[in-house]
Amino acid sequence: MQAKLRFLSTAFLLLILGLILSTNAAFAACPGAGDPATATATVPNVVGKTQAAATTDISAAGLVIGTVTQQVTTVYTAGNIISQSPVPTTCRNPGTSVNITVAISPVTVPNVVGLSQSAATTTLTSAGLAVGAVTTQNNTTVPPGTVLSQNPLAGATANPGTTVALV
């Protein structure tokens, strides 16, 4: 009985040791670490971090920020990184660019019907939107230049920079 218990204990310890060694191998430093002639850098995981923190981590790894794109999402907090390329823990040459995608929040389209075209333009640009096509229409019940309708409608959710057509 004692021999069987010793065998199981030894097998268990070997299993744990194997897991530890394989985990350490997966996160080992890139080849050439410490040797400037052959050095490579490990790409840090910056997903979920703020853009400022991601920039710091990427620079500290000897890499540089590449293309920064924005994507509307409600899953991540605005300003946080939602994806990166190359993927984390890969080895790259120092100075390699790491492209990041930063989360931005959608905006709510304000109501500009009844405003002058100038006031509507100011309201839309202040909300992070742009004025799209402007169509004039004769109407005897409102002063000339007054916005009669808009598309998308007030209250709609839109990506920043979306154009709003005015009539």
Foldseek 3Di string as FASTA:
>chain_A
DVVVVVVVVVVVVVVVVVVVVVVCVLQDADPPPPPVVDDWFFQADQAQHAPVVNQVVQVVRQEHADAEAEDEDPPHDFRGWHDKPPDGGDIGHRHHHIYTYGYDHWFFAAAQAFPAQVVNQVVQVVRQEHADAEDFDDDPPHDGRGWHAKPPHGGDTGHRHHHIYTD
